Amino acid sequence: MELAYYSDYAVRLVNTEEPVRNKDALTSVEVIRELFGPATQMARRATDSDVTRFRAVRARLRAVFTAADGGDHTGAVDLLNSLLLEYPVSPQISGHDILDEDGRPRWHMHLADHPSNATAGYAAIAAMGLAFHLTEFGADRLGLCQAPPCRNAYLDTSTNRSRRYCSDRCATRANVAAYRARKRLEADRPDDTGLTAENSQESATPADH
């Protein structure tokens, strides 16, 4: 499993909460296990105690995205470094269970999942994945959706660093809102010809000589 894959762990966890709408989907062990995706061995370690711990890690990961989205790249790095120090990883070379077309192992880096609890394991791979993405592509590739009230986290993988929304749905909603706002502005704008109906009539009447 490539390190780039792990960056999505941070996004998935951050987006279990919608702060503006005061909604929180992180309410049970089952939700935590779903976050792990294919990492079923680590997911099985999750207990009720991890719900509170996951929320704490989520807040710290959101702070990284918030700092990066606001242009405070040094602050984002400092926050991420604190997570990396608290939740270290154990990288290993893996691939014996994945063979190429010639039957040879597809060797790749894997983050070993043997921490003390499920939260530590998830936090370690999420922080490492995010750190890999940040150092490879830049802190400005970490963003928060610009379509109010959504503030979901996303990783910008566009070629021109132009992404502003977490999904096509939010992009469409923002474009529609902008279009309607322009139409309202045009409707409220006074006639810019500078002529009132009376002036227009007078200008059309031949002058007396």
N, C-alpha and C. Protein backbone atom coordinates (compact mmCIF):
# COMPACT_ATOMS: atom_id res chain seq x y z
N MET A 1 0.85 -1.19 0.00
CA MET A 1 0.00 0.00 0.00
C MET A 1 0.89 1.25 0.00
N GLU A 2 0.72 2.16 -0.97
CA GLU A 2 1.56 3.32 -1.09
C GLU A 2 1.20 4.35 -0.01
N LEU A 3 2.21 5.15 0.36
CA LEU A 3 1.99 6.13 1.40
C LEU A 3 0.94 7.16 1.00
N ALA A 4 0.83 7.47 -0.29
CA ALA A 4 -0.16 8.45 -0.74
C ALA A 4 -1.57 8.02 -0.37
N TYR A 5 -1.78 6.73 -0.31
CA TYR A 5 -3.11 6.22 0.02
C TYR A 5 -3.54 6.66 1.42
N TYR A 6 -2.59 6.75 2.32
CA TYR A 6 -2.91 7.02 3.71
C TYR A 6 -3.41 8.44 3.96
N SER A 7 -3.13 9.37 3.05
CA SER A 7 -3.58 10.74 3.26
C SER A 7 -5.10 10.83 3.34
N ASP A 8 -5.78 9.90 2.69
CA ASP A 8 -7.24 9.92 2.71
C ASP A 8 -7.80 9.57 4.09
N TYR A 9 -7.00 8.91 4.92
CA TYR A 9 -7.44 8.60 6.28
C TYR A 9 -7.78 9.90 7.03
N ALA A 10 -6.94 10.91 6.86
CA ALA A 10 -7.16 12.18 7.55
C ALA A 10 -8.43 12.85 7.04
N VAL A 11 -8.63 12.84 5.73
CA VAL A 11 -9.82 13.47 5.14
C VAL A 11 -11.09 12.78 5.62
N ARG A 12 -11.08 11.46 5.63
CA ARG A 12 -12.27 10.71 6.04
C ARG A 12 -12.64 11.03 7.49
N LEU A 13 -11.64 11.10 8.35
CA LEU A 13 -11.92 11.37 9.76
C LEU A 13 -12.42 12.80 9.96
N VAL A 14 -11.76 13.76 9.38
CA VAL A 14 -12.17 15.16 9.52
C VAL A 14 -13.60 15.36 9.05
N ASN A 15 -13.96 14.68 7.98
CA ASN A 15 -15.28 14.90 7.39
C ASN A 15 -16.42 14.11 8.05
N THR A 16 -16.13 13.49 9.19
CA THR A 16 -17.22 12.88 9.95
C THR A 16 -17.97 13.94 10.75
N GLU A 17 -17.46 15.16 10.71
CA GLU A 17 -18.09 16.25 11.46
C GLU A 17 -18.42 17.42 10.52
N GLU A 18 -19.58 18.03 10.75
CA GLU A 18 -19.97 19.24 10.03
C GLU A 18 -20.17 20.33 11.08
N PRO A 19 -19.12 21.06 11.42
CA PRO A 19 -19.20 22.03 12.53
C PRO A 19 -20.27 23.09 12.34
N VAL A 20 -20.41 23.63 11.14
CA VAL A 20 -21.38 24.70 10.90
C VAL A 20 -22.80 24.20 11.11
N ARG A 21 -23.05 22.97 10.68
CA ARG A 21 -24.39 22.39 10.83
C ARG A 21 -24.56 21.71 12.19
N ASN A 22 -23.50 21.68 12.99
CA ASN A 22 -23.53 21.04 14.31
C ASN A 22 -23.91 19.57 14.20
N LYS A 23 -23.32 18.88 13.21
CA LYS A 23 -23.59 17.46 13.00
C LYS A 23 -22.30 16.67 13.22
N ASP A 24 -22.46 15.50 13.83
CA ASP A 24 -21.31 14.64 14.12
C ASP A 24 -21.70 13.19 13.85
N ALA A 25 -21.04 12.60 12.85
CA ALA A 25 -21.35 11.21 12.50
C ALA A 25 -20.51 10.22 13.29
N LEU A 26 -19.52 10.72 14.02
CA LEU A 26 -18.63 9.84 14.78
C LEU A 26 -19.27 9.52 16.12
N THR A 27 -20.16 8.54 16.12
CA THR A 27 -20.96 8.27 17.32
C THR A 27 -20.86 6.84 17.83
N SER A 28 -20.14 5.97 17.11
CA SER A 28 -20.12 4.57 17.54
C SER A 28 -18.85 3.87 17.05
N VAL A 29 -18.63 2.70 17.62
CA VAL A 29 -17.50 1.87 17.21
C VAL A 29 -17.65 1.45 15.75
N GLU A 30 -18.88 1.21 15.33
CA GLU A 30 -19.12 0.78 13.95
C GLU A 30 -18.64 1.83 12.96
N VAL A 31 -18.86 3.11 13.28
CA VAL A 31 -18.40 4.19 12.40
C VAL A 31 -16.88 4.19 12.32
N ILE A 32 -16.24 3.99 13.47
CA ILE A 32 -14.78 3.95 13.49
C ILE A 32 -14.26 2.82 12.62
N ARG A 33 -14.86 1.67 12.72
CA ARG A 33 -14.40 0.52 11.93
C ARG A 33 -14.57 0.77 10.44
N GLU A 34 -15.61 1.49 10.07
CA GLU A 34 -15.81 1.82 8.66
C GLU A 34 -14.72 2.76 8.16
N LEU A 35 -14.22 3.63 9.02
CA LEU A 35 -13.18 4.58 8.64
C LEU A 35 -11.90 3.87 8.23
N PHE A 36 -11.64 2.73 8.83
CA PHE A 36 -10.41 2.00 8.54
C PHE A 36 -10.40 1.40 7.14
N GLY A 37 -11.55 1.26 6.54
CA GLY A 37 -11.60 0.68 5.20
C GLY A 37 -11.09 -0.75 5.21
N PRO A 38 -10.12 -1.07 4.32
CA PRO A 38 -9.63 -2.44 4.22
C PRO A 38 -8.72 -2.88 5.37
N ALA A 39 -8.34 -1.93 6.25
CA ALA A 39 -7.46 -2.29 7.37
C ALA A 39 -8.28 -2.95 8.48
N THR A 40 -8.81 -4.12 8.18
CA THR A 40 -9.75 -4.78 9.10
C THR A 40 -9.09 -5.24 10.40
N GLN A 41 -7.83 -5.63 10.33
CA GLN A 41 -7.17 -6.11 11.54
C GLN A 41 -7.11 -5.00 12.59
N MET A 42 -6.74 -3.81 12.17
CA MET A 42 -6.67 -2.69 13.10
C MET A 42 -8.07 -2.27 13.55
N ALA A 43 -9.03 -2.34 12.64
CA ALA A 43 -10.39 -1.93 12.96
C ALA A 43 -10.98 -2.78 14.08
N ARG A 44 -10.60 -4.05 14.11
CA ARG A 44 -11.15 -4.95 15.13
C ARG A 44 -10.72 -4.56 16.53
N ARG A 45 -9.69 -3.75 16.66
CA ARG A 45 -9.23 -3.33 17.99
C ARG A 45 -10.08 -2.20 18.57
N ALA A 46 -10.92 -1.59 17.75
CA ALA A 46 -11.69 -0.44 18.19
C ALA A 46 -12.67 -0.81 19.30
N THR A 47 -12.78 0.08 20.30
CA THR A 47 -13.72 -0.10 21.41
C THR A 47 -14.48 1.21 21.61
N ASP A 48 -15.42 1.19 22.52
CA ASP A 48 -16.19 2.40 22.81
C ASP A 48 -15.30 3.56 23.26
N SER A 49 -14.21 3.25 23.92
CA SER A 49 -13.30 4.29 24.40
C SER A 49 -12.65 5.06 23.25
N ASP A 50 -12.58 4.43 22.09
CA ASP A 50 -11.94 5.09 20.95
C ASP A 50 -12.78 6.21 20.36
N VAL A 51 -14.08 6.22 20.61
CA VAL A 51 -14.93 7.27 20.04
C VAL A 51 -14.46 8.65 20.51
N THR A 52 -14.26 8.80 21.81
CA THR A 52 -13.79 10.08 22.36
C THR A 52 -12.38 10.39 21.88
N ARG A 53 -11.52 9.40 21.84
CA ARG A 53 -10.15 9.63 21.39
C ARG A 53 -10.09 10.01 19.92
N PHE A 54 -10.92 9.38 19.09
CA PHE A 54 -10.98 9.72 17.67
C PHE A 54 -11.42 11.17 17.46
N ARG A 55 -12.38 11.61 18.27
CA ARG A 55 -12.84 12.99 18.14
C ARG A 55 -11.73 13.98 18.46
N ALA A 56 -10.91 13.65 19.44
CA ALA A 56 -9.79 14.53 19.79
C ALA A 56 -8.78 14.62 18.65
N VAL A 57 -8.47 13.48 18.05
CA VAL A 57 -7.55 13.47 16.92
C VAL A 57 -8.16 14.21 15.74
N ARG A 58 -9.45 14.03 15.54
CA ARG A 58 -10.14 14.71 14.44
C ARG A 58 -9.99 16.23 14.56
N ALA A 59 -10.16 16.76 15.77
CA ALA A 59 -10.04 18.20 15.99
C ALA A 59 -8.65 18.69 15.62
N ARG A 60 -7.64 17.91 15.93
CA ARG A 60 -6.26 18.31 15.63
C ARG A 60 -5.97 18.23 14.13
N LEU A 61 -6.54 17.24 13.47
CA LEU A 61 -6.36 17.15 12.02
C LEU A 61 -7.10 18.28 11.31
N ARG A 62 -8.29 18.62 11.78
CA ARG A 62 -9.02 19.75 11.18
C ARG A 62 -8.22 21.04 11.35
N ALA A 63 -7.56 21.18 12.48
CA ALA A 63 -6.75 22.38 12.71
C ALA A 63 -5.63 22.49 11.68
N VAL A 64 -5.08 21.35 11.26
CA VAL A 64 -4.04 21.35 10.22
C VAL A 64 -4.62 21.88 8.92
N PHE A 65 -5.78 21.36 8.53
CA PHE A 65 -6.43 21.81 7.30
C PHE A 65 -6.82 23.29 7.39
N THR A 66 -7.32 23.71 8.55
CA THR A 66 -7.72 25.10 8.73
C THR A 66 -6.54 26.05 8.57
N ALA A 67 -5.42 25.69 9.17
CA ALA A 67 -4.22 26.53 9.05
C ALA A 67 -3.74 26.59 7.61
N ALA A 68 -3.67 25.44 6.96
CA ALA A 68 -3.21 25.40 5.56
C ALA A 68 -4.15 26.18 4.66
N ASP A 69 -5.45 26.01 4.86
CA ASP A 69 -6.45 26.70 4.03
C ASP A 69 -6.38 28.21 4.23
N GLY A 70 -5.99 28.63 5.42
CA GLY A 70 -5.88 30.06 5.71
C GLY A 70 -4.54 30.66 5.33
N GLY A 71 -3.67 29.86 4.74
CA GLY A 71 -2.37 30.36 4.31
C GLY A 71 -1.27 30.27 5.35
N ASP A 72 -1.59 29.76 6.55
CA ASP A 72 -0.58 29.60 7.60
C ASP A 72 0.10 28.24 7.45
N HIS A 73 0.97 28.13 6.47
CA HIS A 73 1.58 26.85 6.16
C HIS A 73 2.53 26.39 7.26
N THR A 74 3.25 27.32 7.85
CA THR A 74 4.16 26.96 8.95
C THR A 74 3.36 26.43 10.14
N GLY A 75 2.23 27.07 10.41
CA GLY A 75 1.38 26.60 11.50
C GLY A 75 0.83 25.21 11.22
N ALA A 76 0.46 24.96 9.97
CA ALA A 76 -0.05 23.64 9.60
C ALA A 76 1.02 22.57 9.81
N VAL A 77 2.24 22.89 9.42
CA VAL A 77 3.35 21.94 9.58
C VAL A 77 3.63 21.68 11.06
N ASP A 78 3.61 22.73 11.87
CA ASP A 78 3.85 22.56 13.31
C ASP A 78 2.79 21.67 13.95
N LEU A 79 1.54 21.88 13.58
CA LEU A 79 0.46 21.06 14.12
C LEU A 79 0.59 19.61 13.68
N LEU A 80 0.98 19.42 12.44
CA LEU A 80 1.14 18.06 11.93
C LEU A 80 2.34 17.38 12.56
N ASN A 81 3.40 18.13 12.78
CA ASN A 81 4.58 17.55 13.43
C ASN A 81 4.26 17.08 14.85
N SER A 82 3.40 17.81 15.54
CA SER A 82 3.04 17.40 16.90
C SER A 82 2.29 16.08 16.89
N LEU A 83 1.48 15.85 15.86
CA LEU A 83 0.78 14.57 15.72
C LEU A 83 1.77 13.46 15.39
N LEU A 84 2.72 13.74 14.52
CA LEU A 84 3.71 12.73 14.14
C LEU A 84 4.57 12.31 15.33
N LEU A 85 4.87 13.26 16.20
CA LEU A 85 5.66 12.94 17.39
C LEU A 85 4.87 12.10 18.38
N GLU A 86 3.60 12.44 18.51
CA GLU A 86 2.77 11.71 19.48
C GLU A 86 2.35 10.34 18.97
N TYR A 87 2.18 10.23 17.64
CA TYR A 87 1.74 8.97 17.05
C TYR A 87 2.74 8.52 15.98
N PRO A 88 3.88 7.98 16.39
CA PRO A 88 4.90 7.54 15.43
C PRO A 88 4.44 6.31 14.66
N VAL A 89 5.03 6.13 13.48
CA VAL A 89 4.68 5.00 12.63
C VAL A 89 5.85 4.03 12.53
N SER A 90 5.55 2.83 12.08
CA SER A 90 6.58 1.81 11.86
C SER A 90 6.50 1.37 10.40
N PRO A 91 7.23 2.05 9.52
CA PRO A 91 7.17 1.67 8.10
C PRO A 91 7.82 0.32 7.84
N GLN A 92 7.20 -0.45 6.98
CA GLN A 92 7.74 -1.74 6.59
C GLN A 92 7.55 -1.94 5.08
N ILE A 93 8.41 -2.75 4.49
CA ILE A 93 8.25 -3.11 3.08
C ILE A 93 7.32 -4.31 3.01
N SER A 94 6.29 -4.18 2.20
CA SER A 94 5.31 -5.25 2.07
C SER A 94 5.12 -5.57 0.59
N GLY A 95 4.34 -6.60 0.31
CA GLY A 95 4.07 -6.95 -1.07
C GLY A 95 4.07 -8.43 -1.36
N HIS A 96 4.36 -9.25 -0.35
CA HIS A 96 4.43 -10.69 -0.57
C HIS A 96 3.07 -11.28 -0.93
N ASP A 97 1.99 -10.51 -0.58
CA ASP A 97 0.65 -11.00 -0.88
C ASP A 97 0.07 -10.39 -2.15
N ILE A 98 0.86 -9.55 -2.84
CA ILE A 98 0.43 -8.92 -4.09
C ILE A 98 1.47 -9.21 -5.17
N LEU A 99 1.10 -9.96 -6.17
CA LEU A 99 2.06 -10.36 -7.21
C LEU A 99 1.78 -9.63 -8.52
N ASP A 100 2.86 -9.38 -9.28
CA ASP A 100 2.69 -8.75 -10.59
C ASP A 100 2.39 -9.83 -11.62
N GLU A 101 2.35 -9.45 -12.90
CA GLU A 101 1.96 -10.38 -13.95
C GLU A 101 2.98 -11.51 -14.15
N ASP A 102 4.21 -11.30 -13.64
CA ASP A 102 5.24 -12.33 -13.73
C ASP A 102 5.33 -13.17 -12.47
N GLY A 103 4.41 -12.93 -11.54
CA GLY A 103 4.41 -13.70 -10.30
C GLY A 103 5.39 -13.20 -9.26
N ARG A 104 5.95 -12.01 -9.48
CA ARG A 104 6.89 -11.44 -8.51
C ARG A 104 6.17 -10.48 -7.57
N PRO A 105 6.62 -10.37 -6.34
CA PRO A 105 5.96 -9.48 -5.37
C PRO A 105 6.03 -8.02 -5.83
N ARG A 106 4.94 -7.30 -5.63
CA ARG A 106 4.92 -5.86 -5.89
C ARG A 106 5.29 -5.16 -4.59
N TRP A 107 6.57 -4.94 -4.40
CA TRP A 107 7.03 -4.35 -3.14
C TRP A 107 6.57 -2.90 -3.01
N HIS A 108 6.15 -2.52 -1.82
CA HIS A 108 5.72 -1.17 -1.56
C HIS A 108 5.84 -0.89 -0.06
N MET A 109 5.80 0.39 0.29
CA MET A 109 5.89 0.77 1.70
C MET A 109 4.53 0.60 2.37
N HIS A 110 4.58 0.07 3.56
CA HIS A 110 3.37 -0.18 4.34
C HIS A 110 3.62 0.31 5.76
N LEU A 111 2.62 0.94 6.37
CA LEU A 111 2.75 1.39 7.74
C LEU A 111 2.20 0.31 8.67
N ALA A 112 3.07 -0.27 9.45
CA ALA A 112 2.68 -1.38 10.31
C ALA A 112 1.59 -0.96 11.28
N ASP A 113 0.61 -1.83 11.46
CA ASP A 113 -0.53 -1.49 12.32
C ASP A 113 -0.49 -2.30 13.61
N HIS A 114 0.48 -1.97 14.45
CA HIS A 114 0.55 -2.67 15.74
C HIS A 114 0.70 -1.71 16.91
N PRO A 115 -0.08 -0.60 16.95
CA PRO A 115 0.00 0.31 18.09
C PRO A 115 -0.82 -0.21 19.27
N SER A 116 -0.85 0.58 20.34
CA SER A 116 -1.51 0.14 21.56
C SER A 116 -3.02 0.12 21.45
N ASN A 117 -3.61 0.98 20.63
CA ASN A 117 -5.06 0.98 20.47
C ASN A 117 -5.44 1.47 19.08
N ALA A 118 -6.72 1.37 18.75
CA ALA A 118 -7.18 1.72 17.41
C ALA A 118 -6.95 3.20 17.08
N THR A 119 -7.14 4.07 18.07
CA THR A 119 -6.95 5.50 17.82
C THR A 119 -5.50 5.80 17.46
N ALA A 120 -4.57 5.22 18.21
CA ALA A 120 -3.14 5.46 17.94
C ALA A 120 -2.79 4.97 16.55
N GLY A 121 -3.34 3.83 16.16
CA GLY A 121 -3.05 3.29 14.84
C GLY A 121 -3.58 4.18 13.74
N TYR A 122 -4.83 4.61 13.89
CA TYR A 122 -5.44 5.46 12.86
C TYR A 122 -4.74 6.81 12.79
N ALA A 123 -4.48 7.41 13.95
CA ALA A 123 -3.82 8.72 13.98
C ALA A 123 -2.44 8.66 13.34
N ALA A 124 -1.72 7.59 13.57
CA ALA A 124 -0.38 7.45 13.02
C ALA A 124 -0.39 7.42 11.49
N ILE A 125 -1.28 6.62 10.92
CA ILE A 125 -1.28 6.51 9.46
C ILE A 125 -1.92 7.75 8.82
N ALA A 126 -2.89 8.37 9.50
CA ALA A 126 -3.50 9.59 8.96
C ALA A 126 -2.49 10.73 8.94
N ALA A 127 -1.76 10.89 10.05
CA ALA A 127 -0.77 11.96 10.12
C ALA A 127 0.37 11.73 9.14
N MET A 128 0.83 10.49 9.02
CA MET A 128 1.92 10.18 8.10
C MET A 128 1.47 10.39 6.65
N GLY A 129 0.27 9.94 6.33
CA GLY A 129 -0.24 10.13 4.98
C GLY A 129 -0.37 11.60 4.62
N LEU A 130 -0.87 12.39 5.57
CA LEU A 130 -1.02 13.82 5.34
C LEU A 130 0.34 14.51 5.21
N ALA A 131 1.29 14.06 6.01
CA ALA A 131 2.64 14.62 5.93
C ALA A 131 3.27 14.30 4.57
N PHE A 132 3.06 13.11 4.08
CA PHE A 132 3.58 12.73 2.77
C PHE A 132 2.97 13.62 1.70
N HIS A 133 1.67 13.83 1.76
CA HIS A 133 0.99 14.65 0.76
C HIS A 133 1.49 16.10 0.82
N LEU A 134 1.64 16.62 2.03
CA LEU A 134 2.07 18.00 2.21
C LEU A 134 3.49 18.22 1.67
N THR A 135 4.40 17.33 2.02
CA THR A 135 5.79 17.50 1.58
C THR A 135 5.97 17.23 0.09
N GLU A 136 5.12 16.39 -0.46
CA GLU A 136 5.23 16.05 -1.88
C GLU A 136 4.60 17.13 -2.77
N PHE A 137 3.45 17.69 -2.33
CA PHE A 137 2.70 18.59 -3.20
C PHE A 137 2.56 20.02 -2.68
N GLY A 138 2.82 20.24 -1.38
CA GLY A 138 2.71 21.58 -0.83
C GLY A 138 1.55 21.73 0.14
N ALA A 139 1.71 22.61 1.11
CA ALA A 139 0.67 22.81 2.11
C ALA A 139 -0.59 23.44 1.51
N ASP A 140 -0.42 24.16 0.39
CA ASP A 140 -1.59 24.79 -0.22
C ASP A 140 -2.49 23.78 -0.92
N ARG A 141 -2.10 22.51 -0.90
CA ARG A 141 -2.94 21.45 -1.45
C ARG A 141 -3.92 20.90 -0.42
N LEU A 142 -3.86 21.41 0.81
CA LEU A 142 -4.79 21.01 1.85
C LEU A 142 -5.84 22.10 1.97
N GLY A 143 -7.10 21.77 1.74
CA GLY A 143 -8.12 22.81 1.75
C GLY A 143 -9.39 22.43 2.47
N LEU A 144 -10.23 23.44 2.68
CA LEU A 144 -11.56 23.27 3.25
C LEU A 144 -12.56 23.83 2.24
N CYS A 145 -13.64 23.12 2.05
CA CYS A 145 -14.64 23.46 1.04
C CYS A 145 -15.12 24.90 1.20
N GLN A 146 -15.18 25.63 0.07
CA GLN A 146 -15.57 27.04 0.07
C GLN A 146 -17.06 27.25 -0.20
N ALA A 147 -17.84 26.18 -0.22
CA ALA A 147 -19.28 26.30 -0.46
C ALA A 147 -20.02 26.28 0.88
N PRO A 148 -20.39 27.44 1.42
CA PRO A 148 -21.10 27.48 2.70
C PRO A 148 -22.40 26.68 2.64
N PRO A 149 -22.77 26.00 3.73
CA PRO A 149 -22.08 25.94 5.02
C PRO A 149 -21.06 24.80 5.12
N CYS A 150 -20.82 24.12 4.02
CA CYS A 150 -19.89 22.98 4.04
C CYS A 150 -18.47 23.46 4.32
N ARG A 151 -17.78 22.73 5.17
CA ARG A 151 -16.36 23.00 5.42
C ARG A 151 -15.60 21.67 5.45
N ASN A 152 -15.99 20.77 4.56
CA ASN A 152 -15.30 19.49 4.48
C ASN A 152 -13.87 19.67 4.01
N ALA A 153 -13.00 18.80 4.49
CA ALA A 153 -11.60 18.84 4.08
C ALA A 153 -11.44 18.13 2.74
N TYR A 154 -10.44 18.54 2.00
CA TYR A 154 -10.12 17.86 0.74
C TYR A 154 -8.63 18.01 0.44
N LEU A 155 -8.14 17.16 -0.43
CA LEU A 155 -6.75 17.22 -0.90
C LEU A 155 -6.79 17.63 -2.37
N ASP A 156 -6.19 18.75 -2.69
CA ASP A 156 -6.21 19.27 -4.05
C ASP A 156 -5.20 18.52 -4.90
N THR A 157 -5.69 17.78 -5.86
CA THR A 157 -4.81 17.04 -6.78
C THR A 157 -4.93 17.58 -8.20
N SER A 158 -5.53 18.75 -8.35
CA SER A 158 -5.67 19.35 -9.68
C SER A 158 -4.31 19.79 -10.21
N THR A 159 -4.18 19.86 -11.52
CA THR A 159 -2.89 20.22 -12.12
C THR A 159 -2.54 21.68 -11.91
N ASN A 160 -3.53 22.54 -11.75
CA ASN A 160 -3.26 23.98 -11.61
C ASN A 160 -3.62 24.53 -10.23
N ARG A 161 -3.73 23.66 -9.25
CA ARG A 161 -4.01 24.06 -7.87
C ARG A 161 -5.28 24.92 -7.78
N SER A 162 -6.30 24.53 -8.51
CA SER A 162 -7.50 25.35 -8.61
C SER A 162 -8.69 24.83 -7.80
N ARG A 163 -8.54 23.72 -7.15
CA ARG A 163 -9.69 23.15 -6.45
C ARG A 163 -10.11 24.02 -5.28
N ARG A 164 -11.43 24.21 -5.13
CA ARG A 164 -11.97 25.03 -4.04
C ARG A 164 -13.09 24.32 -3.29
N TYR A 165 -13.54 23.19 -3.81
CA TYR A 165 -14.69 22.51 -3.21
C TYR A 165 -14.37 21.04 -2.96
N CYS A 166 -15.10 20.46 -2.00
CA CYS A 166 -14.82 19.08 -1.62
C CYS A 166 -15.41 18.08 -2.59
N SER A 167 -16.40 18.52 -3.39
CA SER A 167 -17.09 17.60 -4.28
C SER A 167 -17.71 18.35 -5.45
N ASP A 168 -18.09 17.62 -6.49
CA ASP A 168 -18.79 18.24 -7.62
C ASP A 168 -20.12 18.83 -7.17
N ARG A 169 -20.75 18.17 -6.21
CA ARG A 169 -22.03 18.67 -5.72
C ARG A 169 -21.89 20.05 -5.12
N CYS A 170 -20.87 20.24 -4.28
CA CYS A 170 -20.66 21.55 -3.66
C CYS A 170 -20.23 22.58 -4.70
N ALA A 171 -19.45 22.18 -5.68
CA ALA A 171 -19.02 23.11 -6.74
C ALA A 171 -20.23 23.59 -7.52
N THR A 172 -21.13 22.68 -7.85
CA THR A 172 -22.34 23.06 -8.58
C THR A 172 -23.21 23.98 -7.75
N ARG A 173 -23.36 23.65 -6.48
CA ARG A 173 -24.19 24.48 -5.59
C ARG A 173 -23.62 25.89 -5.47
N ALA A 174 -22.29 26.00 -5.37
CA ALA A 174 -21.65 27.31 -5.27
C ALA A 174 -21.81 28.10 -6.56
N ASN A 175 -21.68 27.44 -7.70
CA ASN A 175 -21.83 28.11 -8.99
C ASN A 175 -23.25 28.62 -9.19
N VAL A 176 -24.23 27.81 -8.80
CA VAL A 176 -25.63 28.22 -8.91
C VAL A 176 -25.90 29.42 -8.01
N ALA A 177 -25.37 29.39 -6.80
CA ALA A 177 -25.57 30.49 -5.86
C ALA A 177 -24.93 31.78 -6.40
N ALA A 178 -23.74 31.65 -6.99
CA ALA A 178 -23.06 32.82 -7.56
C ALA A 178 -23.85 33.38 -8.74
N TYR A 179 -24.38 32.49 -9.56
CA TYR A 179 -25.18 32.92 -10.72
C TYR A 179 -26.43 33.68 -10.27
N ARG A 180 -27.12 33.15 -9.28
CA ARG A 180 -28.33 33.80 -8.79
C ARG A 180 -28.02 35.15 -8.16
N ALA A 181 -26.86 35.22 -7.48
CA ALA A 181 -26.46 36.49 -6.86
C ALA A 181 -26.19 37.55 -7.94
N ARG A 182 -25.56 37.13 -9.03
CA ARG A 182 -25.31 38.07 -10.14
C ARG A 182 -26.62 38.56 -10.75
N LYS A 183 -27.57 37.64 -10.90
CA LYS A 183 -28.87 38.01 -11.48
C LYS A 183 -29.62 38.99 -10.58
N ARG A 184 -29.54 38.77 -9.27
CA ARG A 184 -30.20 39.69 -8.34
C ARG A 184 -29.56 41.07 -8.42
N LEU A 185 -28.22 41.09 -8.53
CA LEU A 185 -27.50 42.36 -8.62
C LEU A 185 -27.89 43.11 -9.89
N GLU A 186 -28.01 42.38 -11.00
CA GLU A 186 -28.39 43.00 -12.26
C GLU A 186 -29.81 43.54 -12.20
N ALA A 187 -30.71 42.79 -11.53
CA ALA A 187 -32.10 43.22 -11.42
C ALA A 187 -32.23 44.46 -10.55
N ASP A 188 -31.37 44.60 -9.55
CA ASP A 188 -31.44 45.74 -8.63
C ASP A 188 -30.70 46.96 -9.17
N ARG A 189 -29.90 46.77 -10.21
CA ARG A 189 -29.08 47.86 -10.72
C ARG A 189 -29.95 48.82 -11.53
N PRO A 190 -29.84 50.15 -11.30
CA PRO A 190 -30.64 51.12 -12.06
C PRO A 190 -30.22 51.15 -13.52
N ASP A 191 -31.14 51.62 -14.36
CA ASP A 191 -30.87 51.73 -15.79
C ASP A 191 -29.63 52.59 -16.00
N ASP A 192 -28.64 52.04 -16.66
CA ASP A 192 -27.36 52.75 -16.80
C ASP A 192 -27.27 53.58 -18.07
N THR A 193 -28.42 53.82 -18.75
CA THR A 193 -28.37 54.67 -19.95
C THR A 193 -28.30 56.13 -19.59
N GLY A 194 -28.68 56.45 -18.32
CA GLY A 194 -28.62 57.83 -17.88
C GLY A 194 -29.83 58.63 -18.34
N LEU A 195 -30.82 57.98 -18.96
CA LEU A 195 -31.99 58.66 -19.49
C LEU A 195 -33.23 58.21 -18.77
N THR A 196 -34.03 59.15 -18.29
CA THR A 196 -35.34 58.81 -17.75
C THR A 196 -36.30 58.73 -18.91
N ALA A 197 -37.49 58.25 -18.66
CA ALA A 197 -38.46 58.15 -19.74
C ALA A 197 -38.76 59.53 -20.31
N GLU A 198 -38.81 60.57 -19.43
CA GLU A 198 -39.10 61.94 -19.88
C GLU A 198 -37.98 62.47 -20.74
N ASN A 199 -36.72 62.25 -20.27
CA ASN A 199 -35.57 62.72 -21.03
C ASN A 199 -35.49 62.05 -22.37
N SER A 200 -35.85 60.76 -22.40
CA SER A 200 -35.80 60.02 -23.64
C SER A 200 -36.79 60.58 -24.64
N GLN A 201 -38.00 60.99 -24.16
CA GLN A 201 -39.01 61.53 -25.04
C GLN A 201 -38.59 62.89 -25.57
N GLU A 202 -38.00 63.72 -24.68
CA GLU A 202 -37.56 65.05 -25.09
C GLU A 202 -36.47 64.97 -26.14
N SER A 203 -35.58 64.00 -25.97
CA SER A 203 -34.48 63.88 -26.92
C SER A 203 -34.94 63.46 -28.28
N ALA A 204 -36.14 62.81 -28.32
CA ALA A 204 -36.66 62.35 -29.59
C ALA A 204 -37.46 63.42 -30.30
N THR A 205 -37.81 64.59 -29.61
CA THR A 205 -38.61 65.67 -30.21
C THR A 205 -37.68 66.69 -30.85
N PRO A 206 -37.94 67.06 -32.13
CA PRO A 206 -37.06 68.04 -32.79
C PRO A 206 -37.05 69.35 -32.04
N ALA A 207 -35.92 69.99 -32.00
CA ALA A 207 -35.79 71.24 -31.29
C ALA A 207 -36.44 72.36 -32.08
N ASP A 208 -37.02 73.37 -31.38
CA ASP A 208 -37.63 74.54 -32.01
C ASP A 208 -36.57 75.49 -32.51
N HIS A 209 -36.77 76.06 -33.66
CA HIS A 209 -35.82 77.05 -34.19
C HIS A 209 -36.51 78.37 -34.30
